[in-house]
Every structure is written in C-alpha cells, then in structure tokens.
Amino acid sequence: MLSELQWDRLCNLINGLPQIDWYVYQVEISGEYLYIHTRSIFSSDNPILFIINAEGDFI
C-alpha cells in the first residue's frame, strides 16, 4: 500500500512528465518502495526508473 508521501510524489510526477514529453507506463510496489517506469513519447529506447521510499524521497 502506498504511503501518503509516495502517493503525493507519484501524482506530481504523473502531472509533470507530459510537460517534458515523457509518460508513466508501469507502476509497481515492492515492500516499502514504489517503482515508477517512464518513457519518452519520442523513443522507447531510453526508459527511466524512479524509485520512491516510504518517506516520499526519490532514491
């Protein structure tokens, strides 16, 4: 289950990525970590993984 801080970071990330032509294509939770997989709308060759801990900090 997401912590409130993880949920806030996820929402901010989803709202901000389209401004730089990126999108979220997969979200996973494992233990206390939230994994957010993103890709560029122009090229799927360069994905980025964001990891957020239970305190809402990016790792």
C-alpha atoms as a PDB file:
ATOM      1  CA  MET A   1       0.000   0.000   0.000  1.00  0.00           C
ATOM      2  CA  LEU A   2       1.255   3.473  -0.848  1.00  0.00           C
ATOM      3  CA  SER A   3       2.166   5.916   1.883  1.00  0.00           C
ATOM      4  CA  GLU A   4       0.653   9.375   1.651  1.00  0.00           C
ATOM      5  CA  LEU A   5       4.036  10.839   0.684  1.00  0.00           C
ATOM      6  CA  GLN A   6       4.580   8.218  -2.051  1.00  0.00           C
ATOM      7  CA  TRP A   7       1.106   8.964  -3.438  1.00  0.00           C
ATOM      8  CA  ASP A   8       1.889  12.713  -3.482  1.00  0.00           C
ATOM      9  CA  ARG A   9       5.200  12.146  -5.323  1.00  0.00           C
ATOM     10  CA  LEU A  10       3.508   9.810  -7.828  1.00  0.00           C
ATOM     11  CA  CYS A  11       0.786  12.370  -8.594  1.00  0.00           C
ATOM     12  CA  ASN A  12       3.321  15.172  -9.005  1.00  0.00           C
ATOM     13  CA  LEU A  13       5.453  13.019 -11.307  1.00  0.00           C
ATOM     14  CA  ILE A  14       2.488  11.988 -13.464  1.00  0.00           C
ATOM     15  CA  ASN A  15       1.362  15.605 -13.752  1.00  0.00           C
ATOM     16  CA  GLY A  16       4.852  16.899 -14.595  1.00  0.00           C
ATOM     17  CA  LEU A  17       6.128  14.326 -17.096  1.00  0.00           C
ATOM     18  CA  PRO A  18       3.882  15.303 -20.051  1.00  0.00           C
ATOM     19  CA  GLN A  19       5.399  18.782 -19.955  1.00  0.00           C
ATOM     20  CA  ILE A  20       8.754  17.257 -20.954  1.00  0.00           C
ATOM     21  CA  ASP A  21       7.240  14.646 -23.325  1.00  0.00           C
ATOM     22  CA  TRP A  22       7.517  11.631 -21.007  1.00  0.00           C
ATOM     23  CA  TYR A  23       4.857   9.254 -19.697  1.00  0.00           C
ATOM     24  CA  VAL A  24       4.425   6.594 -16.997  1.00  0.00           C
ATOM     25  CA  TYR A  25       3.920   3.104 -18.419  1.00  0.00           C
ATOM     26  CA  GLN A  26       4.234   0.924 -15.306  1.00  0.00           C
ATOM     27  CA  VAL A  27       3.931   1.354 -11.538  1.00  0.00           C
ATOM     28  CA  GLU A  28       4.989  -1.335  -9.068  1.00  0.00           C
ATOM     29  CA  ILE A  29       5.090  -1.605  -5.283  1.00  0.00           C
ATOM     30  CA  SER A  30       7.593  -3.880  -3.594  1.00  0.00           C
ATOM     31  CA  GLY A  31       7.920  -3.701   0.167  1.00  0.00           C
ATOM     32  CA  GLU A  32       8.264  -0.047   1.122  1.00  0.00           C
ATOM     33  CA  TYR A  33       9.366   1.061  -2.334  1.00  0.00           C
ATOM     34  CA  LEU A  34       7.356   2.444  -5.230  1.00  0.00           C
ATOM     35  CA  TYR A  35       8.846   1.855  -8.689  1.00  0.00           C
ATOM     36  CA  ILE A  36       7.705   4.164 -11.490  1.00  0.00           C
ATOM     37  CA  HIS A  37       8.772   3.266 -15.028  1.00  0.00           C
ATOM     38  CA  THR A  38       8.704   6.110 -17.564  1.00  0.00           C
ATOM     39  CA  ARG A  39       9.495   6.560 -21.254  1.00  0.00           C
ATOM     40  CA  SER A  40       9.891   9.352 -23.747  1.00  0.00           C
ATOM     41  CA  ILE A  41       6.996   9.745 -26.180  1.00  0.00           C
ATOM     42  CA  PHE A  42       9.551  10.027 -28.983  1.00  0.00           C
ATOM     43  CA  SER A  43      11.729   6.996 -28.223  1.00  0.00           C
ATOM     44  CA  SER A  44      11.076   3.932 -26.097  1.00  0.00           C
ATOM     45  CA  ASP A  45      14.807   3.102 -26.165  1.00  0.00           C
ATOM     46  CA  ASN A  46      15.573   5.294 -23.162  1.00  0.00           C
ATOM     47  CA  PRO A  47      13.324   4.388 -20.195  1.00  0.00           C
ATOM     48  CA  ILE A  48      13.843   5.912 -16.752  1.00  0.00           C
ATOM     49  CA  LEU A  49      13.047   4.260 -13.423  1.00  0.00           C
ATOM     50  CA  PHE A  50      12.089   6.399 -10.434  1.00  0.00           C
ATOM     51  CA  ILE A  51      12.200   4.742  -7.009  1.00  0.00           C
ATOM     52  CA  ILE A  52      10.396   6.353  -4.076  1.00  0.00           C
ATOM     53  CA  ASN A  53      10.797   5.112  -0.492  1.00  0.00           C
ATOM     54  CA  ALA A  54       8.079   5.138   2.195  1.00  0.00           C
ATOM     55  CA  GLU A  55       9.117   8.637   3.326  1.00  0.00           C
ATOM     56  CA  GLY A  56       8.414  10.006  -0.162  1.00  0.00           C
ATOM     57  CA  ASP A  57      12.077  10.525  -1.072  1.00  0.00           C
ATOM     58  CA  PHE A  58      13.421   9.722  -4.524  1.00  0.00           C
ATOM     59  CA  ILE A  59      16.249   7.194  -4.433  1.00  0.00           C
END
